[in-house]
Amino acid sequence: QVQLVESGGGLVQVGGSLRLSCAASTRTFSSTAMGWFRQAPGKEREFVARISRSGSTRYYADSVKGRFTISRDNAKNTVYLQMNSLKPEDTAVYYCATSSIGDGAFTASGNYDYWGQGTQVTVSS
């Protein structure tokens, strides 16, 4: 059983920044790709970003490309999502998830195994 705990969400103004963290309780963190998803009220959960096991490869949704950066620290069992130039449409609950399927560009939620409880991000205009 893997537990994921997200933190770092909050209320921020348009154009502001937030850094989300996701701490994983697993000894195999460095063997697992990681992803971030988000879900806005009344909408389906959507892919945001994914990072390979080593951190050398990253994938982003077009809507966040150039503004968000995913990174990881395998020594700390933690994955991060740096969010800059935030927009009102970024408002959502953000979830991190593990993916044991490999290092490809897997964006569908079905390719992810364990999920955190989510952290709320609200961008006010």
Protein backbone atom coordinates (compact mmCIF):
# COMPACT_ATOMS: atom_id res chain seq x y z
CA GLN A 1 0.00 0.00 0.00
CA VAL A 2 1.35 3.40 -1.02
CA GLN A 3 0.25 6.57 0.70
CA LEU A 4 0.55 9.93 -1.00
CA VAL A 5 0.10 13.21 0.83
CA GLU A 6 -0.19 16.46 -1.10
CA SER A 7 0.44 19.88 0.38
CA GLY A 8 1.03 23.45 -0.71
CA GLY A 9 -2.38 24.37 -2.06
CA GLY A 10 -4.15 27.58 -1.18
CA LEU A 11 -5.62 30.83 -2.40
CA VAL A 12 -3.56 32.94 -4.79
CA GLN A 13 -4.23 35.89 -7.06
CA VAL A 14 -4.08 35.77 -10.82
CA GLY A 15 -0.47 35.73 -11.98
CA GLY A 16 0.76 34.34 -8.70
CA SER A 17 2.66 31.15 -7.95
CA LEU A 18 2.28 28.07 -5.79
CA ARG A 19 4.43 25.02 -5.24
CA LEU A 20 2.67 21.75 -4.56
CA SER A 21 4.42 18.84 -2.88
CA CYS A 22 3.51 15.19 -2.76
CA ALA A 23 5.23 12.92 -0.24
CA ALA A 24 5.12 9.19 -0.90
CA SER A 25 5.40 6.43 1.67
CA THR A 26 7.05 3.78 -0.45
CA ARG A 27 10.53 2.26 -0.66
CA THR A 28 10.18 1.98 -4.43
CA PHE A 29 9.58 5.67 -5.16
CA SER A 30 12.54 5.92 -7.51
CA SER A 31 11.12 3.03 -9.54
CA THR A 32 7.78 4.73 -10.11
CA ALA A 33 6.82 7.45 -12.53
CA MET A 34 4.64 10.15 -11.00
CA GLY A 35 1.89 12.39 -12.24
CA TRP A 36 -0.27 15.34 -11.28
CA PHE A 37 -3.93 15.62 -12.16
CA ARG A 38 -6.59 18.17 -11.31
CA GLN A 39 -10.34 18.28 -11.06
CA ALA A 40 -12.43 21.42 -11.17
CA PRO A 41 -16.03 21.51 -9.89
CA GLY A 42 -18.38 19.87 -12.36
CA LYS A 43 -15.55 18.67 -14.58
CA GLU A 44 -13.72 15.43 -15.09
CA ARG A 45 -10.29 14.83 -13.65
CA GLU A 46 -7.63 15.91 -16.15
CA PHE A 47 -3.95 15.25 -16.66
CA VAL A 48 -1.56 18.04 -15.74
CA ALA A 49 2.00 16.68 -15.77
CA ARG A 50 4.05 13.51 -15.55
CA ILE A 51 7.68 12.81 -14.69
CA SER A 52 9.74 9.70 -15.38
CA ARG A 53 11.36 7.60 -12.70
CA SER A 54 14.71 9.34 -12.96
CA GLY A 55 13.20 12.76 -13.54
CA SER A 56 14.84 13.11 -16.94
CA THR A 57 11.61 13.12 -18.95
CA ARG A 58 8.55 15.28 -18.34
CA TYR A 59 5.20 15.65 -20.05
CA TYR A 60 2.67 18.47 -19.69
CA ALA A 61 -0.86 19.23 -20.69
CA ASP A 62 -0.98 21.96 -23.31
CA SER A 63 -2.95 24.15 -20.92
CA VAL A 64 -0.06 24.35 -18.43
CA LYS A 65 2.97 24.03 -20.68
CA GLY A 66 5.42 26.86 -20.06
CA ARG A 67 3.81 27.79 -16.73
CA PHE A 68 4.03 24.61 -14.64
CA THR A 69 7.11 22.52 -13.86
CA ILE A 70 7.08 19.02 -12.43
CA SER A 71 10.14 17.77 -10.57
CA ARG A 72 11.07 15.09 -8.08
CA ASP A 73 13.55 14.36 -5.33
CA ASN A 74 14.00 10.61 -5.06
CA ALA A 75 16.04 10.96 -1.88
CA LYS A 76 13.03 12.59 -0.22
CA ASN A 77 10.34 10.47 -1.89
CA THR A 78 8.69 13.67 -3.04
CA VAL A 79 7.35 15.04 -6.29
CA TYR A 80 6.68 18.74 -6.83
CA LEU A 81 4.56 20.90 -9.08
CA GLN A 82 5.73 24.49 -9.43
CA MET A 83 2.86 26.57 -10.77
CA ASN A 84 3.56 30.06 -12.12
CA SER A 85 1.42 32.65 -13.89
CA LEU A 86 -1.69 31.12 -12.41
CA LYS A 87 -5.06 31.73 -14.06
CA PRO A 88 -8.61 31.40 -12.72
CA GLU A 89 -9.05 28.30 -14.89
CA ASP A 90 -6.29 26.60 -12.88
CA THR A 91 -8.65 26.50 -9.90
CA ALA A 92 -9.15 22.85 -8.96
CA VAL A 93 -8.28 20.11 -6.54
CA TYR A 94 -4.83 18.82 -7.47
CA TYR A 95 -3.90 15.17 -7.04
CA CYS A 96 -0.62 13.33 -7.32
CA ALA A 97 -0.50 9.71 -8.38
CA THR A 98 1.96 6.88 -8.93
CA SER A 99 2.35 5.08 -12.23
CA SER A 100 4.06 1.70 -12.45
CA ILE A 101 3.45 1.28 -16.18
CA GLY A 102 6.79 2.75 -17.24
CA ASP A 103 8.28 6.03 -18.46
CA GLY A 104 6.13 6.77 -21.50
CA ALA A 105 3.73 9.64 -22.07
CA PHE A 106 0.82 8.11 -20.18
CA THR A 107 -1.80 10.75 -19.54
CA ALA A 108 -4.92 8.71 -18.88
CA SER A 109 -5.88 8.31 -15.24
CA GLY A 110 -6.24 4.56 -15.74
CA ASN A 111 -2.44 4.34 -16.05
CA TYR A 112 -2.04 5.48 -12.45
CA ASP A 113 -2.20 3.27 -9.42
CA TYR A 114 -2.26 5.14 -6.13
CA TRP A 115 -3.68 8.59 -5.54
CA GLY A 116 -3.38 11.22 -2.88
CA GLN A 117 -6.30 12.92 -1.19
CA GLY A 118 -5.86 16.14 -3.13
CA THR A 119 -5.06 19.75 -2.30
CA GLN A 120 -7.22 22.71 -3.24
CA VAL A 121 -5.83 25.46 -5.43
CA THR A 122 -7.95 28.56 -5.88
CA VAL A 123 -6.92 31.40 -8.17
CA SER A 124 -8.84 34.61 -7.62
CA SER A 125 -9.24 37.31 -10.24
